[in-house]
Amino acid sequence: MILDKIENADLYFDSVPRLEQFMHFFNNNELEEFAAGKIKLDGDDLFVNIIDLKGKDEKSIPFEAHKDYIDIQIPLTADEQMGWKAQEDCQNVTAEYDEGKDVELYKEKATAMLNVPVGHFVVFFPSDAHQPGIAPKGQEFRKLIVKTRVEN
């Protein structure tokens, strides 16, 4: 897992596949003005989901983990809390791995809670179970979820 300021993203270009390509897109667009939806930057290897959501409390949000994609999550309009736990320590599966959606869900308690402020990003690798979307109940906010395929 990586948590840092968006201005430091270049430090991780060697560690996160296609991060440099995404940052070029990010730096050259006003993403707050885009309609919510999916934007493919490199076919199924790199895409961005722009989502508008309402915050929920941590008890109502499951943990998730992925096998084929790395998640890069960027809150755009409000700070967001996210839970973290090593995927290998997740024992309480609530939805078995869905290959089509590349997700497995868990009911777990976070090992760590992260505050991800606007202007920051967090990278979750397949070894990182994560619990995004924690914010004051009903608080509306916009975020980016960047999916970059794991390189084998």
Protein backbone atom coordinates (compact mmCIF):
# COMPACT_ATOMS: atom_id res chain seq x y z
CA MET A 1 0.00 0.00 0.00
CA ILE A 2 1.15 3.51 -0.78
CA LEU A 3 -0.31 6.74 0.59
CA ASP A 4 1.18 10.02 -0.58
CA LYS A 5 0.51 13.45 -2.05
CA ILE A 6 -0.51 13.39 -5.71
CA GLU A 7 2.45 15.69 -6.49
CA ASN A 8 4.79 12.87 -5.43
CA ALA A 9 3.29 10.29 -7.80
CA ASP A 10 6.42 10.31 -9.97
CA LEU A 11 8.31 8.62 -7.11
CA TYR A 12 6.23 5.48 -7.76
CA PHE A 13 6.33 5.23 -11.56
CA ASP A 14 8.67 2.21 -11.34
CA SER A 15 6.50 0.46 -8.73
CA VAL A 16 3.00 0.97 -10.12
CA PRO A 17 2.36 -0.10 -13.74
CA ARG A 18 0.98 2.67 -15.99
CA LEU A 19 0.92 5.24 -13.16
CA GLU A 20 2.94 7.61 -15.33
CA GLN A 21 0.39 7.28 -18.14
CA PHE A 22 -2.48 7.97 -15.75
CA MET A 23 -0.72 11.01 -14.25
CA HIS A 24 -0.35 12.54 -17.70
CA PHE A 25 -4.15 12.22 -18.10
CA PHE A 26 -4.79 13.49 -14.55
CA ASN A 27 -2.56 16.56 -14.94
CA ASN A 28 -4.08 17.55 -18.28
CA ASN A 29 -7.79 17.32 -17.42
CA GLU A 30 -10.23 18.91 -14.98
CA LEU A 31 -11.69 15.64 -13.71
CA GLU A 32 -14.10 17.34 -11.32
CA GLU A 33 -15.93 18.57 -14.44
CA PHE A 34 -16.22 15.16 -16.14
CA ALA A 35 -19.46 13.21 -15.93
CA ALA A 36 -19.34 10.21 -13.64
CA GLY A 37 -18.41 7.05 -15.51
CA LYS A 38 -15.61 4.93 -16.90
CA ILE A 39 -12.79 6.25 -19.08
CA LYS A 40 -10.48 3.76 -20.77
CA LEU A 41 -6.94 5.06 -21.10
CA ASP A 42 -5.28 1.83 -22.31
CA GLY A 43 -8.06 -0.65 -23.03
CA ASP A 44 -8.63 -3.01 -20.12
CA ASP A 45 -5.08 -2.46 -18.84
CA LEU A 46 -5.73 1.05 -17.50
CA PHE A 47 -9.03 2.77 -16.87
CA VAL A 48 -10.53 5.36 -14.55
CA ASN A 49 -13.88 5.23 -12.80
CA ILE A 50 -15.16 8.65 -11.80
CA ILE A 51 -17.74 8.10 -9.09
CA ASP A 52 -20.01 10.24 -6.96
CA LEU A 53 -20.99 8.64 -3.69
CA LYS A 54 -22.32 9.25 -0.22
CA GLY A 55 -20.19 8.46 2.78
CA LYS A 56 -21.05 5.52 5.00
CA ASP A 57 -19.80 4.32 8.35
CA GLU A 58 -17.17 1.60 8.40
CA LYS A 59 -19.54 -1.07 9.75
CA SER A 60 -21.65 -0.92 6.59
CA ILE A 61 -18.79 -1.20 4.08
CA PRO A 62 -17.16 -4.55 3.31
CA PHE A 63 -13.47 -5.03 2.72
CA GLU A 64 -12.51 -5.85 -0.85
CA ALA A 65 -9.46 -7.31 -2.54
CA HIS A 66 -8.49 -7.78 -6.17
CA LYS A 67 -6.22 -10.21 -8.02
CA ASP A 68 -5.88 -8.77 -11.52
CA TYR A 69 -5.85 -5.03 -10.83
CA ILE A 70 -4.13 -2.51 -8.62
CA ASP A 71 -6.47 0.18 -7.28
CA ILE A 72 -5.38 3.79 -7.16
CA GLN A 73 -7.96 5.80 -5.23
CA ILE A 74 -8.05 9.59 -5.26
CA PRO A 75 -10.64 11.64 -3.37
CA LEU A 76 -11.39 14.80 -5.36
CA THR A 77 -13.88 16.82 -3.33
CA ALA A 78 -13.66 15.65 0.30
CA ASP A 79 -11.34 13.70 2.55
CA GLU A 80 -12.08 9.99 2.77
CA GLN A 81 -11.30 7.35 5.37
CA MET A 82 -10.27 3.88 4.23
CA GLY A 83 -9.64 0.73 6.18
CA TRP A 84 -6.68 -1.53 5.43
CA LYS A 85 -5.86 -5.14 6.27
CA ALA A 86 -3.45 -7.62 4.71
CA GLN A 87 -5.51 -9.73 2.31
CA GLU A 88 -3.88 -12.92 3.59
CA ASP A 89 -5.26 -12.15 7.07
CA CYS A 90 -8.87 -11.85 5.87
CA GLN A 91 -10.80 -14.91 7.06
CA ASN A 92 -14.47 -13.89 6.84
CA VAL A 93 -15.36 -14.11 3.14
CA THR A 94 -18.83 -12.70 2.41
CA ALA A 95 -18.62 -12.98 -1.40
CA GLU A 96 -16.26 -15.43 -3.09
CA TYR A 97 -13.88 -14.11 -5.73
CA ASP A 98 -15.77 -12.98 -8.85
CA GLU A 99 -13.36 -13.20 -11.79
CA GLY A 100 -15.52 -10.98 -14.00
CA LYS A 101 -15.57 -8.18 -11.42
CA ASP A 102 -12.10 -8.99 -10.01
CA VAL A 103 -13.27 -8.73 -6.43
CA GLU A 104 -13.66 -10.78 -3.28
CA LEU A 105 -15.47 -9.30 -0.27
CA TYR A 106 -14.83 -9.75 3.43
CA LYS A 107 -16.33 -8.80 6.77
CA GLU A 108 -13.28 -7.77 8.76
CA LYS A 109 -12.04 -5.21 11.23
CA ALA A 110 -9.37 -2.86 9.89
CA THR A 111 -5.77 -3.29 10.99
CA ALA A 112 -5.25 0.38 10.11
CA MET A 113 -7.50 3.32 9.25
CA LEU A 114 -6.17 5.77 6.70
CA ASN A 115 -7.18 9.37 6.25
CA VAL A 116 -6.84 10.16 2.55
CA PRO A 117 -7.14 13.93 2.10
CA VAL A 118 -8.00 15.68 -1.13
CA GLY A 119 -4.72 16.11 -3.00
CA HIS A 120 -3.50 12.64 -1.97
CA PHE A 121 -3.75 9.17 -3.45
CA VAL A 122 -3.60 5.64 -2.13
CA VAL A 123 -2.46 2.56 -4.04
CA PHE A 124 -3.83 -0.83 -3.05
CA PHE A 125 -2.00 -3.86 -4.43
CA PRO A 126 -3.56 -7.36 -4.59
CA SER A 127 -2.03 -8.06 -1.16
CA ASP A 128 -4.03 -5.16 0.34
CA ALA A 129 -7.64 -5.67 1.37
CA HIS A 130 -9.27 -2.27 1.63
CA GLN A 131 -12.45 -0.63 2.81
CA PRO A 132 -13.08 2.60 0.86
CA GLY A 133 -15.88 5.14 1.09
CA ILE A 134 -15.84 5.86 4.83
CA ALA A 135 -16.98 9.43 5.40
CA PRO A 136 -19.63 11.16 7.51
CA LYS A 137 -22.93 9.43 6.75
CA GLY A 138 -24.61 11.03 3.76
CA GLN A 139 -21.66 13.29 2.89
CA GLU A 140 -21.50 13.49 -0.88
CA PHE A 141 -18.13 13.39 -2.56
CA ARG A 142 -16.42 12.57 -5.83
CA LYS A 143 -13.45 10.30 -6.25
CA LEU A 144 -11.39 8.51 -8.86
CA ILE A 145 -10.73 4.82 -8.82
CA VAL A 146 -7.96 4.01 -11.25
CA LYS A 147 -7.55 0.37 -12.23
CA THR A 148 -4.22 -0.74 -13.64
CA ARG A 149 -3.67 -4.36 -14.54
CA VAL A 150 -1.07 -6.26 -12.56
CA GLU A 151 1.96 -7.11 -14.67
CA ASN A 152 2.96 -10.78 -14.40
